[in-house]
N, C-alpha and C. Protein backbone atom coordinates (compact mmCIF):
# COMPACT_ATOMS: atom_id res chain seq x y z
N MET A 1 19.15 -28.87 -36.88
CA MET A 1 17.86 -29.56 -36.88
C MET A 1 18.08 -31.07 -36.73
N ARG A 2 17.14 -31.65 -36.11
CA ARG A 2 17.18 -33.08 -35.88
C ARG A 2 16.47 -33.81 -37.00
N ASN A 3 17.05 -34.92 -37.43
CA ASN A 3 16.32 -35.68 -38.45
C ASN A 3 15.42 -36.72 -37.77
N GLY A 4 14.57 -37.36 -38.52
CA GLY A 4 13.58 -38.29 -37.97
C GLY A 4 14.18 -39.44 -37.20
N SER A 5 15.30 -39.99 -37.67
CA SER A 5 15.87 -41.16 -37.00
C SER A 5 16.45 -40.78 -35.64
N ASP A 6 17.04 -39.59 -35.52
CA ASP A 6 17.55 -39.15 -34.22
C ASP A 6 16.41 -39.02 -33.21
N GLU A 7 15.31 -38.48 -33.67
CA GLU A 7 14.15 -38.30 -32.79
C GLU A 7 13.59 -39.65 -32.36
N LYS A 8 13.53 -40.60 -33.28
CA LYS A 8 13.04 -41.94 -32.94
C LYS A 8 13.94 -42.60 -31.92
N MET A 9 15.27 -42.46 -32.08
CA MET A 9 16.22 -43.04 -31.13
C MET A 9 16.02 -42.42 -29.74
N LEU A 10 15.86 -41.12 -29.70
CA LEU A 10 15.67 -40.42 -28.43
C LEU A 10 14.39 -40.89 -27.75
N ASN A 11 13.31 -40.98 -28.51
CA ASN A 11 12.04 -41.45 -27.96
C ASN A 11 12.16 -42.88 -27.44
N LYS A 12 12.88 -43.71 -28.18
CA LYS A 12 13.05 -45.10 -27.76
C LYS A 12 13.85 -45.18 -26.45
N ASN A 13 14.89 -44.36 -26.33
CA ASN A 13 15.68 -44.33 -25.11
C ASN A 13 14.85 -43.89 -23.92
N VAL A 14 14.03 -42.87 -24.11
CA VAL A 14 13.16 -42.37 -23.04
C VAL A 14 12.16 -43.45 -22.64
N GLU A 15 11.58 -44.14 -23.63
CA GLU A 15 10.64 -45.22 -23.34
C GLU A 15 11.30 -46.32 -22.54
N GLN A 16 12.51 -46.72 -22.93
CA GLN A 16 13.21 -47.80 -22.23
C GLN A 16 13.49 -47.40 -20.79
N LYS A 17 13.90 -46.16 -20.57
CA LYS A 17 14.19 -45.70 -19.21
C LYS A 17 12.91 -45.69 -18.38
N SER A 18 11.79 -45.24 -18.96
CA SER A 18 10.51 -45.20 -18.25
C SER A 18 10.08 -46.62 -17.90
N GLU A 19 10.22 -47.52 -18.85
CA GLU A 19 9.82 -48.90 -18.66
C GLU A 19 10.64 -49.54 -17.54
N MET A 20 11.93 -49.28 -17.55
CA MET A 20 12.81 -49.86 -16.55
C MET A 20 12.41 -49.35 -15.16
N THR A 21 12.14 -48.06 -15.05
CA THR A 21 11.75 -47.48 -13.78
C THR A 21 10.45 -48.12 -13.30
N LEU A 22 9.50 -48.30 -14.20
CA LEU A 22 8.23 -48.90 -13.83
C LEU A 22 8.43 -50.35 -13.40
N LYS A 23 9.31 -51.07 -14.09
CA LYS A 23 9.60 -52.45 -13.70
C LYS A 23 10.25 -52.49 -12.33
N ASP A 24 11.16 -51.56 -12.05
CA ASP A 24 11.80 -51.48 -10.74
C ASP A 24 10.76 -51.23 -9.65
N MET A 25 9.86 -50.28 -9.92
CA MET A 25 8.82 -49.96 -8.94
C MET A 25 7.91 -51.16 -8.71
N THR A 26 7.58 -51.86 -9.77
CA THR A 26 6.71 -53.03 -9.67
C THR A 26 7.40 -54.11 -8.83
N GLY A 27 8.68 -54.29 -9.05
CA GLY A 27 9.45 -55.27 -8.28
C GLY A 27 9.46 -54.92 -6.80
N LYS A 28 9.66 -53.65 -6.49
CA LYS A 28 9.67 -53.21 -5.09
C LYS A 28 8.29 -53.42 -4.46
N LEU A 29 7.24 -53.16 -5.24
CA LEU A 29 5.88 -53.34 -4.73
C LEU A 29 5.61 -54.81 -4.45
N LYS A 30 6.12 -55.70 -5.32
CA LYS A 30 5.96 -57.13 -5.08
C LYS A 30 6.65 -57.55 -3.79
N ASP A 31 7.87 -57.02 -3.56
CA ASP A 31 8.59 -57.32 -2.31
C ASP A 31 7.79 -56.86 -1.10
N THR A 32 7.25 -55.65 -1.20
CA THR A 32 6.44 -55.10 -0.11
C THR A 32 5.21 -55.96 0.13
N THR A 33 4.59 -56.41 -0.96
CA THR A 33 3.40 -57.25 -0.86
C THR A 33 3.73 -58.54 -0.11
N GLU A 34 4.87 -59.13 -0.42
CA GLU A 34 5.26 -60.36 0.26
C GLU A 34 5.49 -60.12 1.75
N LYS A 35 6.11 -58.99 2.10
CA LYS A 35 6.35 -58.66 3.51
C LYS A 35 5.02 -58.46 4.24
N VAL A 36 4.10 -57.76 3.61
CA VAL A 36 2.79 -57.52 4.22
C VAL A 36 2.05 -58.85 4.39
N ALA A 37 2.20 -59.74 3.42
CA ALA A 37 1.53 -61.04 3.49
C ALA A 37 2.02 -61.82 4.71
N GLU A 38 3.29 -61.69 5.05
CA GLU A 38 3.83 -62.36 6.23
C GLU A 38 3.20 -61.80 7.50
N VAL A 39 2.99 -60.50 7.54
CA VAL A 39 2.42 -59.85 8.70
C VAL A 39 0.91 -60.08 8.76
N GLY A 40 0.27 -60.06 7.59
CA GLY A 40 -1.17 -60.24 7.50
C GLY A 40 -1.89 -58.91 7.56
N GLY A 41 -3.21 -58.96 7.51
CA GLY A 41 -4.01 -57.74 7.60
C GLY A 41 -4.71 -57.41 6.30
N GLY A 42 -5.63 -56.45 6.36
CA GLY A 42 -6.44 -56.06 5.21
C GLY A 42 -5.66 -55.28 4.16
N ALA A 43 -4.45 -54.85 4.50
CA ALA A 43 -3.65 -54.07 3.55
C ALA A 43 -3.26 -54.91 2.33
N GLN A 44 -3.23 -56.21 2.50
CA GLN A 44 -2.84 -57.11 1.40
C GLN A 44 -3.70 -56.88 0.15
N GLU A 45 -5.00 -56.82 0.35
CA GLU A 45 -5.91 -56.62 -0.79
C GLU A 45 -5.65 -55.28 -1.49
N LYS A 46 -5.43 -54.25 -0.70
CA LYS A 46 -5.19 -52.91 -1.26
C LYS A 46 -3.89 -52.90 -2.06
N ILE A 47 -2.86 -53.54 -1.54
CA ILE A 47 -1.58 -53.59 -2.24
C ILE A 47 -1.73 -54.38 -3.54
N ASN A 48 -2.46 -55.47 -3.51
CA ASN A 48 -2.68 -56.25 -4.73
C ASN A 48 -3.40 -55.41 -5.79
N GLU A 49 -4.35 -54.60 -5.34
CA GLU A 49 -5.08 -53.71 -6.24
C GLU A 49 -4.12 -52.71 -6.89
N LEU A 50 -3.26 -52.11 -6.08
CA LEU A 50 -2.29 -51.15 -6.60
C LEU A 50 -1.32 -51.81 -7.57
N LEU A 51 -0.90 -53.01 -7.24
CA LEU A 51 0.01 -53.76 -8.12
C LEU A 51 -0.66 -54.03 -9.46
N ASP A 52 -1.91 -54.43 -9.44
CA ASP A 52 -2.65 -54.66 -10.69
C ASP A 52 -2.72 -53.38 -11.53
N ASN A 53 -2.95 -52.25 -10.87
CA ASN A 53 -3.02 -50.96 -11.58
C ASN A 53 -1.68 -50.63 -12.23
N ILE A 54 -0.59 -50.84 -11.51
CA ILE A 54 0.73 -50.55 -12.06
C ILE A 54 1.03 -51.47 -13.24
N LEU A 55 0.70 -52.73 -13.10
CA LEU A 55 0.95 -53.67 -14.20
C LEU A 55 0.12 -53.30 -15.43
N ALA A 56 -1.11 -52.85 -15.22
CA ALA A 56 -1.97 -52.44 -16.33
C ALA A 56 -1.37 -51.23 -17.04
N ILE A 57 -0.85 -50.28 -16.28
CA ILE A 57 -0.22 -49.10 -16.87
C ILE A 57 1.01 -49.52 -17.67
N ASN A 58 1.76 -50.46 -17.13
CA ASN A 58 2.99 -50.92 -17.77
C ASN A 58 2.72 -51.57 -19.12
N GLN A 59 1.56 -52.18 -19.29
CA GLN A 59 1.24 -52.88 -20.53
C GLN A 59 0.74 -51.94 -21.63
N HIS A 60 0.40 -50.71 -21.29
CA HIS A 60 -0.13 -49.77 -22.29
C HIS A 60 0.95 -49.07 -23.04
């Protein structure tokens, strides 16, 4: 059987890995946003919207 502290450590590790993945994805999206901004077009607004959504999820 697992004791409470082992479970807390496991949960914390899973959270850190999820957070890191989300930060990586957010970073890639920012890079993509910058590339799209160089090209121009209406996609910029949509990408900014998606980025805002990801950042909002990351803060919860």
